[in-house]
C-alpha atoms as a PDB file:
ATOM      1  CA  MET A   1      87.372  99.851 126.073  1.00  0.00           C
ATOM      2  CA  LYS A   2      90.825  99.491 127.226  1.00  0.00           C
ATOM      3  CA  GLU A   3      94.453 100.999 126.367  1.00  0.00           C
ATOM      4  CA  ALA A   4      97.367  99.265 125.557  1.00  0.00           C
ATOM      5  CA  ARG A   5     100.879 100.043 124.335  1.00  0.00           C
ATOM      6  CA  VAL A   6     102.593  98.235 121.561  1.00  0.00           C
ATOM      7  CA  ALA A   7     104.968  96.528 123.966  1.00  0.00           C
ATOM      8  CA  GLU A   8     102.074  95.666 126.492  1.00  0.00           C
ATOM      9  CA  LEU A   9     100.121  94.293 123.894  1.00  0.00           C
ATOM     10  CA  LYS A  10     102.954  92.102 122.550  1.00  0.00           C
ATOM     11  CA  ALA A  11     103.527  90.740 125.479  1.00  0.00           C
ATOM     12  CA  ARG A  12      99.894  89.914 126.987  1.00  0.00           C
ATOM     13  CA  LEU A  13      98.236  89.491 123.173  1.00  0.00           C
ATOM     14  CA  SER A  14      96.373  86.383 124.248  1.00  0.00           C
ATOM     15  CA  GLU A  15      94.694  88.256 127.310  1.00  0.00           C
ATOM     16  CA  TYR A  16      93.899  91.464 124.994  1.00  0.00           C
ATOM     17  CA  LEU A  17      91.979  89.041 122.228  1.00  0.00           C
ATOM     18  CA  ARG A  18      89.965  87.326 124.748  1.00  0.00           C
ATOM     19  CA  PHE A  19      88.937  90.682 126.128  1.00  0.00           C
ATOM     20  CA  VAL A  20      87.999  91.853 122.373  1.00  0.00           C
ATOM     21  CA  ARG A  21      86.307  88.209 121.603  1.00  0.00           C
ATOM     22  CA  LYS A  22      83.928  89.430 124.432  1.00  0.00           C
ATOM     23  CA  GLY A  23      82.775  92.386 122.256  1.00  0.00           C
ATOM     24  CA  ASN A  24      85.207  94.828 123.706  1.00  0.00           C
ATOM     25  CA  GLU A  25      87.701  97.402 122.059  1.00  0.00           C
ATOM     26  CA  VAL A  26      91.444  97.991 122.683  1.00  0.00           C
ATOM     27  CA  ILE A  27      93.250 101.117 121.604  1.00  0.00           C
ATOM     28  CA  VAL A  28      96.839 100.849 120.664  1.00  0.00           C
ATOM     29  CA  TYR A  29      99.082 103.447 121.593  1.00  0.00           C
ATOM     30  CA  ASP A  30     102.663 103.978 120.486  1.00  0.00           C
ATOM     31  CA  ARG A  31     104.596 106.561 122.382  1.00  0.00           C
ATOM     32  CA  ASN A  32     101.226 108.298 123.940  1.00  0.00           C
ATOM     33  CA  GLU A  33      99.915 108.277 120.098  1.00  0.00           C
ATOM     34  CA  PRO A  34      96.831 106.247 119.255  1.00  0.00           C
ATOM     35  CA  ILE A  35      97.717 104.142 116.287  1.00  0.00           C
ATOM     36  CA  ALA A  36      95.219 101.319 115.917  1.00  0.00           C
ATOM     37  CA  ARG A  37      91.969  99.840 117.389  1.00  0.00           C
ATOM     38  CA  VAL A  38      91.213  96.062 117.691  1.00  0.00           C
ATOM     39  CA  VAL A  39      87.835  95.441 117.511  1.00  0.00           C
ATOM     40  CA  PRO A  40      85.523  92.169 117.658  1.00  0.00           C
ATOM     41  CA  TYR A  41      85.234  90.550 114.324  1.00  0.00           C
ATOM     42  CA  THR A  42      82.276  90.475 112.181  1.00  0.00           C
ATOM     43  CA  SER A  43      81.680  88.557 109.089  1.00  0.00           C
ATOM     44  CA  SER A  44      79.206  90.508 107.629  1.00  0.00           C
ATOM     45  CA  GLY A  45      81.239  93.550 107.441  1.00  0.00           C
ATOM     46  CA  ALA A  46      81.152  95.933 104.519  1.00  0.00           C
ATOM     47  CA  LEU A  47      85.088  95.285 103.321  1.00  0.00           C
ATOM     48  CA  VAL A  48      85.256  93.304 100.211  1.00  0.00           C
ATOM     49  CA  VAL A  49      88.661  92.427  98.627  1.00  0.00           C
ATOM     50  CA  ARG A  50      88.711  92.522  94.976  1.00  0.00           C
ATOM     51  CA  GLU A  51      90.828  92.442  92.107  1.00  0.00           C
ATOM     52  CA  ALA A  52      91.731  95.952  90.503  1.00  0.00           C
ATOM     53  CA  ILE A  53      90.363  96.932  87.433  1.00  0.00           C
ATOM     54  CA  SER A  54      92.446  98.958  85.059  1.00  0.00           C
ATOM     55  CA  LYS A  55      91.312 100.620  81.838  1.00  0.00           C
ATOM     56  CA  TYR A  56      95.057 101.717  81.501  1.00  0.00           C
ATOM     57  CA  ARG A  57      97.867  99.206  80.503  1.00  0.00           C
ATOM     58  CA  THR A  58     100.688 101.800  81.678  1.00  0.00           C
ATOM     59  CA  LEU A  59     101.031 105.334  83.632  1.00  0.00           C
ATOM     60  CA  GLY A  60     101.705 106.777  80.309  1.00  0.00           C
ATOM     61  CA  ASP A  61      98.380 105.807  78.871  1.00  0.00           C
ATOM     62  CA  ILE A  62      96.469 107.915  81.551  1.00  0.00           C
ATOM     63  CA  PRO A  63      95.430 111.209  80.182  1.00  0.00           C
ATOM     64  CA  ILE A  64      96.617 114.145  81.808  1.00  0.00           C
ATOM     65  CA  PRO A  65      93.738 116.553  82.393  1.00  0.00           C
ATOM     66  CA  PRO A  66      93.900 120.297  80.855  1.00  0.00           C
ATOM     67  CA  MET A  67      94.939 123.080  83.051  1.00  0.00           C
ATOM     68  CA  GLU A  68      92.360 125.601  83.766  1.00  0.00           C
ATOM     69  CA  LYS A  69      94.890 128.579  84.153  1.00  0.00           C
ATOM     70  CA  PRO A  70      98.080 128.615  82.747  1.00  0.00           C
ATOM     71  CA  LEU A  71     101.006 128.803  85.547  1.00  0.00           C
ATOM     72  CA  GLY A  72     103.114 131.267  84.023  1.00  0.00           C
ATOM     73  CA  PHE A  73     106.177 128.680  84.132  1.00  0.00           C
ATOM     74  CA  ASP A  74     107.137 125.023  83.278  1.00  0.00           C
ATOM     75  CA  PRO A  75     106.737 122.887  86.388  1.00  0.00           C
ATOM     76  CA  VAL A  76     109.292 120.443  84.688  1.00  0.00           C
ATOM     77  CA  GLU A  77     111.846 123.251  84.797  1.00  0.00           C
ATOM     78  CA  VAL A  78     111.341 123.934  88.432  1.00  0.00           C
ATOM     79  CA  LEU A  79     111.527 120.411  89.200  1.00  0.00           C
ATOM     80  CA  LEU A  80     114.775 120.018  87.613  1.00  0.00           C
ATOM     81  CA  ALA A  81     116.387 122.973  88.996  1.00  0.00           C
ATOM     82  CA  ASP A  82     115.405 121.897  92.536  1.00  0.00           C
ATOM     83  CA  ARG A  83     116.847 118.666  91.922  1.00  0.00           C
ATOM     84  CA  ASN A  84     120.161 120.007  90.391  1.00  0.00           C
ATOM     85  CA  SER A  85     120.319 122.370  93.263  1.00  0.00           C
ATOM     86  CA  GLU A  86     122.745 121.599  95.954  1.00  0.00           C
ATOM     87  CA  VAL A  87     120.999 122.017  99.739  1.00  0.00           C
END
């Protein structure tokens, strides 16, 4: 396994891809934080892209589940008060 910063990966992408093609992994870092892992491609992976199935036509059609306990306040009023307040 190798580690590479974003700028280094961009500058030497072909070299890193050859390394991955041989079965190795590369961890990509951005400002000392790991952000990605480049691994060899396998065609038998479990990831399948399919079209979303929606039983609701609009967001308004989605039922809101009942609250188990009353909140004691109106959340809409709290949101409106927050939006109207100047910070």
